[in-house]
N, C-alpha and C. Protein backbone atom coordinates (compact mmCIF):
# COMPACT_ATOMS: atom_id res chain seq x y z
N MET A 1 0.85 -1.18 0.00
CA MET A 1 0.00 0.00 0.00
C MET A 1 0.89 1.24 0.00
N ILE A 2 0.54 2.21 -0.83
CA ILE A 2 1.26 3.48 -0.89
C ILE A 2 0.32 4.60 -0.45
N ILE A 3 0.81 5.43 0.47
CA ILE A 3 0.02 6.54 1.00
C ILE A 3 0.75 7.84 0.68
N GLY A 4 0.04 8.78 0.06
CA GLY A 4 0.60 10.10 -0.19
C GLY A 4 0.50 10.93 1.08
N ILE A 5 1.60 11.60 1.43
CA ILE A 5 1.65 12.39 2.66
C ILE A 5 1.94 13.84 2.29
N VAL A 6 1.08 14.75 2.77
CA VAL A 6 1.23 16.17 2.45
C VAL A 6 0.88 17.00 3.69
N SER A 7 1.48 18.17 3.78
CA SER A 7 1.19 19.09 4.87
C SER A 7 1.43 20.52 4.41
N ASP A 8 0.90 21.44 5.16
CA ASP A 8 1.22 22.86 4.99
C ASP A 8 1.04 23.35 3.56
N THR A 9 -0.13 23.08 3.00
CA THR A 9 -0.42 23.56 1.65
C THR A 9 -0.69 25.06 1.63
N HIS A 10 -1.30 25.59 2.68
CA HIS A 10 -1.51 27.04 2.82
C HIS A 10 -2.10 27.68 1.56
N LEU A 11 -3.09 27.04 0.96
CA LEU A 11 -3.71 27.58 -0.26
C LEU A 11 -5.08 28.14 0.09
N ARG A 12 -5.36 29.35 -0.39
CA ARG A 12 -6.65 30.00 -0.12
C ARG A 12 -6.90 31.11 -1.10
N GLY A 13 -8.05 31.71 -1.00
CA GLY A 13 -8.39 32.91 -1.76
C GLY A 13 -8.38 32.75 -3.26
N GLY A 14 -8.96 31.66 -3.76
CA GLY A 14 -9.02 31.47 -5.20
C GLY A 14 -7.71 31.01 -5.83
N LYS A 15 -6.69 30.78 -5.01
CA LYS A 15 -5.39 30.34 -5.51
C LYS A 15 -5.13 28.89 -5.14
N VAL A 16 -6.18 28.11 -5.17
CA VAL A 16 -6.08 26.73 -4.74
C VAL A 16 -5.80 25.84 -5.94
N LYS A 17 -4.51 25.62 -6.19
CA LYS A 17 -4.09 24.66 -7.21
C LYS A 17 -2.85 23.95 -6.69
N LEU A 18 -3.02 22.68 -6.48
CA LEU A 18 -1.89 21.88 -6.01
C LEU A 18 -0.88 21.71 -7.14
N PRO A 19 0.40 21.60 -6.82
CA PRO A 19 1.44 21.44 -7.84
C PRO A 19 1.24 20.18 -8.68
N ASP A 20 1.57 20.29 -9.95
CA ASP A 20 1.45 19.15 -10.86
C ASP A 20 2.26 17.95 -10.39
N LYS A 21 3.45 18.19 -9.86
CA LYS A 21 4.32 17.09 -9.39
C LYS A 21 3.59 16.27 -8.33
N LEU A 22 2.90 16.94 -7.42
CA LEU A 22 2.17 16.27 -6.36
C LEU A 22 0.95 15.54 -6.92
N THR A 23 0.15 16.21 -7.74
CA THR A 23 -1.07 15.57 -8.24
C THR A 23 -0.76 14.37 -9.12
N GLU A 24 0.30 14.44 -9.90
CA GLU A 24 0.68 13.30 -10.74
C GLU A 24 1.08 12.11 -9.87
N ALA A 25 1.87 12.35 -8.84
CA ALA A 25 2.30 11.28 -7.95
C ALA A 25 1.11 10.70 -7.17
N PHE A 26 0.20 11.56 -6.72
CA PHE A 26 -0.90 11.10 -5.90
C PHE A 26 -1.98 10.38 -6.71
N LYS A 27 -1.93 10.44 -8.02
CA LYS A 27 -2.85 9.63 -8.83
C LYS A 27 -2.53 8.15 -8.68
N GLU A 28 -1.33 7.85 -8.22
CA GLU A 28 -0.87 6.46 -8.11
C GLU A 28 -0.95 5.90 -6.70
N VAL A 29 -1.42 6.69 -5.71
CA VAL A 29 -1.44 6.22 -4.33
C VAL A 29 -2.79 5.58 -3.99
N ASP A 30 -2.79 4.81 -2.91
CA ASP A 30 -4.01 4.16 -2.44
C ASP A 30 -4.81 5.06 -1.50
N TYR A 31 -4.11 5.99 -0.85
CA TYR A 31 -4.73 6.85 0.16
C TYR A 31 -3.88 8.10 0.30
N ILE A 32 -4.47 9.19 0.79
CA ILE A 32 -3.75 10.44 1.02
C ILE A 32 -4.02 10.90 2.45
N LEU A 33 -2.96 11.33 3.14
CA LEU A 33 -3.08 11.91 4.47
C LEU A 33 -2.53 13.34 4.44
N HIS A 34 -3.34 14.29 4.93
CA HIS A 34 -2.92 15.70 5.01
C HIS A 34 -2.71 16.04 6.48
N LEU A 35 -1.57 16.64 6.80
CA LEU A 35 -1.17 16.85 8.19
C LEU A 35 -1.37 18.28 8.68
N GLY A 36 -2.33 18.97 8.11
CA GLY A 36 -2.74 20.27 8.63
C GLY A 36 -2.22 21.46 7.87
N ASP A 37 -2.85 22.60 8.15
CA ASP A 37 -2.68 23.85 7.43
C ASP A 37 -3.09 23.69 5.97
N TRP A 38 -4.28 23.11 5.81
CA TRP A 38 -4.94 23.04 4.50
C TRP A 38 -5.28 24.48 4.09
N THR A 39 -5.87 25.22 5.03
CA THR A 39 -6.41 26.58 4.95
C THR A 39 -7.61 26.73 4.02
N SER A 40 -7.96 25.69 3.28
CA SER A 40 -9.16 25.71 2.44
C SER A 40 -9.61 24.27 2.18
N LEU A 41 -10.92 24.06 2.27
CA LEU A 41 -11.44 22.73 1.95
C LEU A 41 -11.35 22.43 0.46
N GLU A 42 -11.03 23.43 -0.35
CA GLU A 42 -10.80 23.18 -1.77
C GLU A 42 -9.59 22.26 -1.95
N VAL A 43 -8.65 22.32 -1.02
CA VAL A 43 -7.50 21.40 -1.05
C VAL A 43 -8.00 19.97 -0.90
N TYR A 44 -8.92 19.76 0.04
CA TYR A 44 -9.51 18.44 0.22
C TYR A 44 -10.17 17.97 -1.07
N ASP A 45 -10.95 18.84 -1.69
CA ASP A 45 -11.65 18.46 -2.93
C ASP A 45 -10.68 18.04 -4.02
N GLN A 46 -9.58 18.78 -4.17
CA GLN A 46 -8.60 18.42 -5.19
C GLN A 46 -7.92 17.09 -4.88
N LEU A 47 -7.60 16.87 -3.61
CA LEU A 47 -6.96 15.60 -3.23
C LEU A 47 -7.95 14.44 -3.36
N ALA A 48 -9.20 14.65 -2.96
CA ALA A 48 -10.21 13.59 -3.00
C ALA A 48 -10.51 13.14 -4.43
N ALA A 49 -10.21 13.99 -5.41
CA ALA A 49 -10.39 13.59 -6.80
C ALA A 49 -9.31 12.60 -7.24
N LEU A 50 -8.25 12.46 -6.41
CA LEU A 50 -7.13 11.58 -6.74
C LEU A 50 -7.17 10.24 -6.00
N ALA A 51 -7.59 10.28 -4.72
CA ALA A 51 -7.62 9.08 -3.87
C ALA A 51 -8.40 9.43 -2.60
N PRO A 52 -8.80 8.43 -1.81
CA PRO A 52 -9.45 8.73 -0.53
C PRO A 52 -8.50 9.56 0.35
N VAL A 53 -9.09 10.48 1.14
CA VAL A 53 -8.30 11.43 1.92
C VAL A 53 -8.76 11.48 3.37
N ASP A 54 -7.80 11.60 4.27
CA ASP A 54 -8.07 11.89 5.68
C ASP A 54 -6.97 12.84 6.14
N GLY A 55 -7.06 13.30 7.35
CA GLY A 55 -6.03 14.18 7.87
C GLY A 55 -6.43 14.81 9.18
N ILE A 56 -5.70 15.82 9.55
CA ILE A 56 -5.96 16.58 10.77
C ILE A 56 -5.80 18.06 10.44
N ALA A 57 -6.28 18.90 11.35
CA ALA A 57 -6.19 20.35 11.18
C ALA A 57 -4.89 20.87 11.77
N GLY A 58 -4.44 22.00 11.25
CA GLY A 58 -3.25 22.67 11.77
C GLY A 58 -3.60 24.00 12.40
N ASN A 59 -2.60 24.71 12.85
CA ASN A 59 -2.82 25.97 13.56
C ASN A 59 -3.34 27.10 12.66
N ASN A 60 -3.28 26.97 11.34
CA ASN A 60 -3.81 27.99 10.44
C ASN A 60 -5.16 27.61 9.85
N ASP A 61 -5.73 26.51 10.30
CA ASP A 61 -7.01 26.06 9.76
C ASP A 61 -8.17 26.61 10.58
N GLY A 62 -9.25 26.90 9.89
CA GLY A 62 -10.44 27.44 10.53
C GLY A 62 -11.32 26.37 11.14
N TYR A 63 -12.39 26.84 11.74
CA TYR A 63 -13.33 26.00 12.46
C TYR A 63 -13.85 24.83 11.63
N GLU A 64 -14.20 25.09 10.38
CA GLU A 64 -14.78 24.05 9.53
C GLU A 64 -13.82 22.87 9.34
N ILE A 65 -12.55 23.15 9.15
CA ILE A 65 -11.55 22.10 8.98
C ILE A 65 -11.29 21.38 10.31
N ILE A 66 -11.21 22.15 11.40
CA ILE A 66 -11.00 21.55 12.73
C ILE A 66 -12.15 20.60 13.06
N GLU A 67 -13.38 21.05 12.83
CA GLU A 67 -14.55 20.21 13.12
C GLU A 67 -14.57 18.96 12.25
N ARG A 68 -14.18 19.07 11.03
CA ARG A 68 -14.24 17.93 10.10
C ARG A 68 -13.17 16.88 10.39
N PHE A 69 -11.94 17.33 10.71
CA PHE A 69 -10.82 16.39 10.82
C PHE A 69 -10.27 16.21 12.23
N GLY A 70 -10.50 17.15 13.13
CA GLY A 70 -9.89 17.09 14.45
C GLY A 70 -8.43 17.50 14.37
N GLU A 71 -7.75 17.51 15.53
CA GLU A 71 -6.38 17.99 15.58
C GLU A 71 -5.36 16.91 15.88
N LYS A 72 -5.84 15.72 16.16
CA LYS A 72 -4.94 14.59 16.44
C LYS A 72 -5.75 13.32 16.26
N LYS A 73 -5.13 12.31 15.64
CA LYS A 73 -5.82 11.03 15.52
C LYS A 73 -4.82 9.92 15.22
N ILE A 74 -5.28 8.72 15.41
CA ILE A 74 -4.52 7.53 15.03
C ILE A 74 -5.33 6.81 13.97
N VAL A 75 -4.69 6.51 12.86
CA VAL A 75 -5.31 5.75 11.78
C VAL A 75 -4.56 4.43 11.64
N SER A 76 -5.21 3.47 11.02
CA SER A 76 -4.58 2.16 10.85
C SER A 76 -4.73 1.69 9.42
N PHE A 77 -3.63 1.24 8.85
CA PHE A 77 -3.61 0.67 7.50
C PHE A 77 -2.88 -0.66 7.57
N GLU A 78 -3.55 -1.70 7.12
CA GLU A 78 -2.96 -3.05 7.12
C GLU A 78 -2.37 -3.40 8.49
N GLY A 79 -3.06 -2.99 9.56
CA GLY A 79 -2.64 -3.29 10.91
C GLY A 79 -1.55 -2.40 11.46
N VAL A 80 -1.06 -1.44 10.69
CA VAL A 80 -0.03 -0.51 11.14
C VAL A 80 -0.70 0.76 11.66
N ARG A 81 -0.44 1.09 12.91
CA ARG A 81 -1.04 2.28 13.54
C ARG A 81 -0.15 3.50 13.32
N ILE A 82 -0.78 4.58 12.83
CA ILE A 82 -0.06 5.79 12.46
C ILE A 82 -0.70 6.97 13.17
N GLY A 83 0.11 7.73 13.91
CA GLY A 83 -0.37 8.94 14.57
C GLY A 83 -0.26 10.14 13.65
N LEU A 84 -1.31 10.96 13.62
CA LEU A 84 -1.33 12.18 12.82
C LEU A 84 -1.50 13.38 13.74
N VAL A 85 -0.61 14.35 13.60
CA VAL A 85 -0.69 15.58 14.38
C VAL A 85 0.03 16.67 13.59
N HIS A 86 -0.40 17.92 13.75
CA HIS A 86 0.28 18.98 12.99
C HIS A 86 1.66 19.28 13.57
N GLY A 87 1.76 19.33 14.88
CA GLY A 87 3.07 19.53 15.51
C GLY A 87 3.26 20.89 16.15
N HIS A 88 2.22 21.69 16.23
CA HIS A 88 2.35 23.03 16.79
C HIS A 88 2.03 23.11 18.28
N GLU A 89 1.46 22.09 18.82
CA GLU A 89 1.05 22.15 20.23
C GLU A 89 2.25 22.36 21.13
N PRO A 90 2.14 23.26 22.08
CA PRO A 90 3.28 23.61 22.93
C PRO A 90 3.45 22.68 24.13
N TYR A 91 3.77 21.41 23.86
CA TYR A 91 4.01 20.49 24.97
C TYR A 91 5.17 20.99 25.82
N SER A 92 6.10 21.63 25.20
CA SER A 92 7.20 22.31 25.87
C SER A 92 7.81 23.25 24.85
N SER A 93 7.99 24.48 25.22
CA SER A 93 8.54 25.44 24.28
C SER A 93 9.98 25.10 23.90
N ARG A 94 10.63 24.25 24.68
CA ARG A 94 12.02 23.87 24.38
C ARG A 94 12.11 22.73 23.39
N LEU A 95 11.00 22.07 23.10
CA LEU A 95 11.04 20.93 22.19
C LEU A 95 10.92 21.40 20.75
N ALA A 96 11.68 20.75 19.87
CA ALA A 96 11.55 20.99 18.43
C ALA A 96 10.28 20.30 17.94
N THR A 97 9.83 20.65 16.75
CA THR A 97 8.59 20.11 16.21
C THR A 97 8.56 18.58 16.19
N PRO A 98 9.63 17.87 15.76
CA PRO A 98 9.56 16.40 15.78
C PRO A 98 9.32 15.85 17.19
N GLN A 99 9.93 16.45 18.19
CA GLN A 99 9.76 15.97 19.56
C GLN A 99 8.36 16.30 20.09
N LYS A 100 7.81 17.44 19.69
CA LYS A 100 6.43 17.76 20.07
C LYS A 100 5.47 16.75 19.46
N ALA A 101 5.70 16.42 18.20
CA ALA A 101 4.84 15.44 17.52
C ALA A 101 4.92 14.09 18.21
N ARG A 102 6.12 13.65 18.54
CA ARG A 102 6.31 12.36 19.20
C ARG A 102 5.64 12.36 20.57
N LYS A 103 5.80 13.46 21.30
CA LYS A 103 5.21 13.57 22.64
C LYS A 103 3.68 13.50 22.59
N ALA A 104 3.09 13.96 21.49
CA ALA A 104 1.63 13.92 21.35
C ALA A 104 1.09 12.49 21.41
N PHE A 105 1.94 11.51 21.10
CA PHE A 105 1.51 10.10 21.10
C PHE A 105 2.22 9.28 22.17
N GLU A 106 2.76 9.97 23.15
CA GLU A 106 3.41 9.30 24.28
C GLU A 106 2.39 8.39 24.95
N GLY A 107 2.74 7.14 25.12
CA GLY A 107 1.83 6.18 25.74
C GLY A 107 0.92 5.47 24.76
N ASP A 108 0.88 5.92 23.51
CA ASP A 108 0.08 5.26 22.47
C ASP A 108 0.96 4.29 21.71
N SER A 109 0.37 3.20 21.30
CA SER A 109 1.10 2.23 20.49
C SER A 109 0.97 2.61 19.02
N VAL A 110 2.01 3.26 18.48
CA VAL A 110 2.04 3.65 17.07
C VAL A 110 3.37 3.23 16.47
N SER A 111 3.34 2.91 15.18
CA SER A 111 4.57 2.57 14.46
C SER A 111 5.18 3.78 13.80
N CYS A 112 4.36 4.82 13.63
CA CYS A 112 4.79 6.00 12.87
C CYS A 112 4.03 7.21 13.39
N VAL A 113 4.70 8.37 13.42
CA VAL A 113 4.06 9.64 13.71
C VAL A 113 4.32 10.55 12.53
N LEU A 114 3.24 11.03 11.92
CA LEU A 114 3.31 11.95 10.79
C LEU A 114 2.93 13.34 11.29
N PHE A 115 3.69 14.35 10.88
CA PHE A 115 3.45 15.70 11.35
C PHE A 115 3.89 16.72 10.30
N GLY A 116 3.53 17.96 10.51
CA GLY A 116 3.90 19.05 9.62
C GLY A 116 4.42 20.23 10.41
N HIS A 117 3.82 21.38 10.20
CA HIS A 117 4.03 22.63 10.90
C HIS A 117 5.34 23.36 10.57
N SER A 118 6.46 22.70 10.62
CA SER A 118 7.75 23.39 10.44
C SER A 118 8.10 23.65 8.97
N HIS A 119 7.42 22.97 8.06
CA HIS A 119 7.71 23.03 6.62
C HIS A 119 9.09 22.44 6.32
N GLN A 120 9.67 21.75 7.27
CA GLN A 120 10.99 21.16 7.10
C GLN A 120 10.87 19.64 6.96
N PRO A 121 11.29 19.09 5.83
CA PRO A 121 11.25 17.64 5.67
C PRO A 121 12.06 16.96 6.79
N TYR A 122 11.49 15.88 7.30
CA TYR A 122 12.15 15.17 8.41
C TYR A 122 11.84 13.69 8.27
N LEU A 123 12.86 12.87 8.46
CA LEU A 123 12.69 11.42 8.43
C LEU A 123 13.70 10.82 9.40
N GLN A 124 13.19 10.24 10.46
CA GLN A 124 14.06 9.68 11.50
C GLN A 124 13.29 8.58 12.23
N LYS A 125 13.99 7.56 12.65
CA LYS A 125 13.38 6.54 13.49
C LYS A 125 13.92 6.72 14.90
N GLU A 126 13.01 6.83 15.86
CA GLU A 126 13.38 7.00 17.26
C GLU A 126 12.67 5.97 18.11
N ASP A 127 13.43 5.17 18.81
CA ASP A 127 12.87 4.13 19.68
C ASP A 127 11.86 3.26 18.93
N GLY A 128 12.17 2.94 17.69
CA GLY A 128 11.33 2.07 16.89
C GLY A 128 10.14 2.74 16.23
N VAL A 129 9.98 4.05 16.42
CA VAL A 129 8.86 4.79 15.83
C VAL A 129 9.39 5.69 14.72
N LEU A 130 8.81 5.54 13.53
CA LEU A 130 9.19 6.38 12.39
C LEU A 130 8.55 7.75 12.55
N LEU A 131 9.36 8.81 12.52
CA LEU A 131 8.87 10.19 12.56
C LEU A 131 9.07 10.78 11.18
N PHE A 132 7.99 11.35 10.62
CA PHE A 132 8.07 11.82 9.23
C PHE A 132 7.30 13.11 9.05
N ASN A 133 7.97 14.12 8.51
CA ASN A 133 7.37 15.38 8.09
C ASN A 133 7.62 15.50 6.60
N PRO A 134 6.57 15.63 5.78
CA PRO A 134 6.77 15.69 4.34
C PRO A 134 7.30 17.03 3.83
N GLY A 135 7.39 18.05 4.68
CA GLY A 135 7.71 19.39 4.21
C GLY A 135 6.45 20.01 3.62
N SER A 136 6.62 20.95 2.71
CA SER A 136 5.47 21.60 2.09
C SER A 136 5.59 21.59 0.57
N PRO A 137 4.49 21.28 -0.12
CA PRO A 137 4.52 21.28 -1.58
C PRO A 137 4.33 22.67 -2.19
N THR A 138 4.02 23.66 -1.35
CA THR A 138 3.66 24.98 -1.88
C THR A 138 4.32 26.14 -1.14
N ASP A 139 4.91 25.89 0.02
CA ASP A 139 5.46 26.97 0.86
C ASP A 139 6.74 26.48 1.53
N LYS A 140 7.83 26.46 0.76
CA LYS A 140 9.08 25.84 1.23
C LYS A 140 9.83 26.66 2.28
N ARG A 141 9.46 27.91 2.44
CA ARG A 141 10.12 28.81 3.39
C ARG A 141 11.63 28.79 3.22
N ARG A 142 12.36 28.32 4.19
CA ARG A 142 13.84 28.34 4.11
C ARG A 142 14.44 27.11 3.43
N GLU A 143 13.59 26.20 2.99
CA GLU A 143 14.09 24.99 2.35
C GLU A 143 14.49 25.27 0.90
N LYS A 144 15.38 24.46 0.36
CA LYS A 144 15.83 24.65 -1.02
C LYS A 144 14.76 24.22 -2.03
N GLN A 145 13.96 23.21 -1.65
CA GLN A 145 12.96 22.69 -2.58
C GLN A 145 11.63 22.46 -1.88
N TYR A 146 10.58 22.36 -2.68
CA TYR A 146 9.26 21.96 -2.21
C TYR A 146 9.28 20.46 -2.02
N SER A 147 8.34 19.94 -1.23
CA SER A 147 8.35 18.49 -1.02
C SER A 147 7.01 17.98 -0.51
N PHE A 148 6.83 16.68 -0.70
CA PHE A 148 5.74 15.90 -0.11
C PHE A 148 6.32 14.52 0.15
N GLY A 149 5.51 13.60 0.64
CA GLY A 149 6.04 12.29 0.99
C GLY A 149 5.22 11.14 0.46
N LEU A 150 5.87 10.00 0.42
CA LEU A 150 5.22 8.73 0.09
C LEU A 150 5.56 7.74 1.18
N LEU A 151 4.55 7.12 1.71
CA LEU A 151 4.69 6.14 2.78
C LEU A 151 4.29 4.79 2.21
N GLU A 152 5.10 3.78 2.44
CA GLU A 152 4.77 2.45 1.95
C GLU A 152 4.61 1.49 3.12
N ILE A 153 3.53 0.73 3.06
CA ILE A 153 3.29 -0.31 4.05
C ILE A 153 3.27 -1.63 3.30
N ASP A 154 4.15 -2.54 3.72
CA ASP A 154 4.26 -3.84 3.06
C ASP A 154 4.45 -4.92 4.12
N GLN A 155 3.46 -5.76 4.27
CA GLN A 155 3.50 -6.87 5.23
C GLN A 155 3.88 -6.39 6.64
N GLY A 156 3.22 -5.31 7.07
CA GLY A 156 3.42 -4.79 8.42
C GLY A 156 4.65 -3.91 8.59
N GLN A 157 5.45 -3.77 7.55
CA GLN A 157 6.63 -2.90 7.60
C GLN A 157 6.30 -1.56 6.96
N ILE A 158 6.83 -0.50 7.54
CA ILE A 158 6.54 0.84 7.06
C ILE A 158 7.83 1.55 6.68
N SER A 159 7.79 2.25 5.55
CA SER A 159 8.94 3.05 5.13
C SER A 159 8.41 4.34 4.50
N ALA A 160 9.25 5.36 4.48
CA ALA A 160 8.84 6.65 3.95
C ALA A 160 9.97 7.25 3.13
N ARG A 161 9.58 8.11 2.19
CA ARG A 161 10.58 8.86 1.43
C ARG A 161 9.98 10.19 1.01
N HIS A 162 10.86 11.16 0.82
CA HIS A 162 10.45 12.48 0.35
C HIS A 162 10.54 12.54 -1.17
N VAL A 163 9.70 13.36 -1.75
CA VAL A 163 9.78 13.71 -3.17
C VAL A 163 10.05 15.21 -3.20
N PHE A 164 11.20 15.60 -3.75
CA PHE A 164 11.61 17.01 -3.80
C PHE A 164 11.50 17.53 -5.22
N TYR A 165 11.20 18.82 -5.36
CA TYR A 165 11.14 19.46 -6.68
C TYR A 165 11.29 20.96 -6.52
N ALA A 166 11.75 21.61 -7.58
CA ALA A 166 12.09 23.04 -7.53
C ALA A 166 10.96 23.96 -7.94
N ASP A 167 10.05 23.50 -8.80
CA ASP A 167 9.01 24.37 -9.35
C ASP A 167 7.64 23.91 -8.85
N LYS A 168 6.91 24.79 -8.16
CA LYS A 168 5.63 24.38 -7.57
C LYS A 168 4.44 24.50 -8.52
N SER A 169 4.65 24.82 -9.78
CA SER A 169 3.52 24.94 -10.70
C SER A 169 2.98 23.59 -11.11
């Protein structure tokens, strides 16, 4: 199973067009997970035209998105439990975003924690838990390239990789 992972799209105000690189890749996935800061449900509509979609809300999302998706959840695919959180919650102001995301699922049995917020691609395994931030496909901030992620689940094993690109059109 292949899952498309995206976060921090920050698209609104009639400018809702996901990058071609992302939409082409997501036509081939089984499922899509969005990790917050959609900022418009039009993003959901565009993703849902490609594959089934779920996700969580981020700190820039309005009431409608928060009510629809919530701010934290655990999903399961092929028996693999995956925690979804945006990563902005202030569990401790001294913690970096990956550690905040991990702390959100402290005590929960998860194989992977997916998060966004920082717009910084991240892939690390800590204490047997895969931590993954896909970066942003539309708002790279200080990063050299835009990015999203692909997560693969095969016979209970989970792996992730980033897809990087320079042009967001």
